[in-house]
Amino acid sequence: MELHILEGENGKFPLLLDDEMKIVKPVYEYMKKLKSDNKADNTLIANGRDLKIYWDFLIHNYYVYDEITPRHIQQFREFLFKENPYDSTPVLYQESKRTPTTINRILSTIYNFYVYLGEVHEVGNPILMKEINRGFNVFKGFLEHARAANTTVHSIFKVKEVKSDFNILTLEQIKQIRNAIDNKRDRLIWILLASTGARIQEILGLQIKNVPYIDHSEEMSILKNVKSKGKKRVV
């Protein structure tokens, strides 16, 4: 299996080819759907890589994508855990090759792929979901938890993720990093990241026309129509 990234006027497009260099049609159709939904290039590429991993698993086990059951998905989940996915040693005795976050992202990609197949080709989704209560959110209303629709769905194959701590840089640390960057382009990127709260891909995709003229009578300036994850937003 090979994943080729095609580049053109409309951005990038991942193309999955089998060992005979033929297009894997269901993946190609799904990628066209994502492209038509204006998903970001990085989203398409990430989905393409995830589906390549899945197709490697299918081919290795002589499985057919439209005949997969939850039992096969459980097997795929173990496949993702292994350092050497073709080793027969039980997962229990191996250190995971991927982080839980990565595994959950791949499973989410496969789930959405089968959602598409179900809508277009009436293929059943083998990734089972369960309904759970949403966690408490201090930023929502006091009685948010009492709403009838206060539930969400999670895959039963979801791997438990350990929340990692993060540190917030002080203003002095931000200045130290800025002063240590020699390249003017990279320094500008760092300043924009630190002062706007924009995502890195939003900064990299920023166009001059989206940058406002400075109005000293205003407390802040606004970046308009910033492309963000296939959509546009104001920063």
Foldseek 3Di string as FASTA:
>chain_A
DDWDWDQDPLGIAIFDADPVRHTPPLLNVVSVVCVVLQFDPVVRVLLNVLVVLVVVLCVVVVHDLLVDALVVVLLVLLLQQAPHSVDPPGSVPHGGPDALVSSQVSVVSLQVSVVVCCVPVVRDRRFDKDKDADDDDPVDDPCCSVDPPRIDIDTPSRDDHDDDDDDDDDPVRLVVVLVVDPDPVVSVLSVCCVPPVDDSVLSVPDDPVQFDDDDVVDPDDKRFQRQDRSGGDID
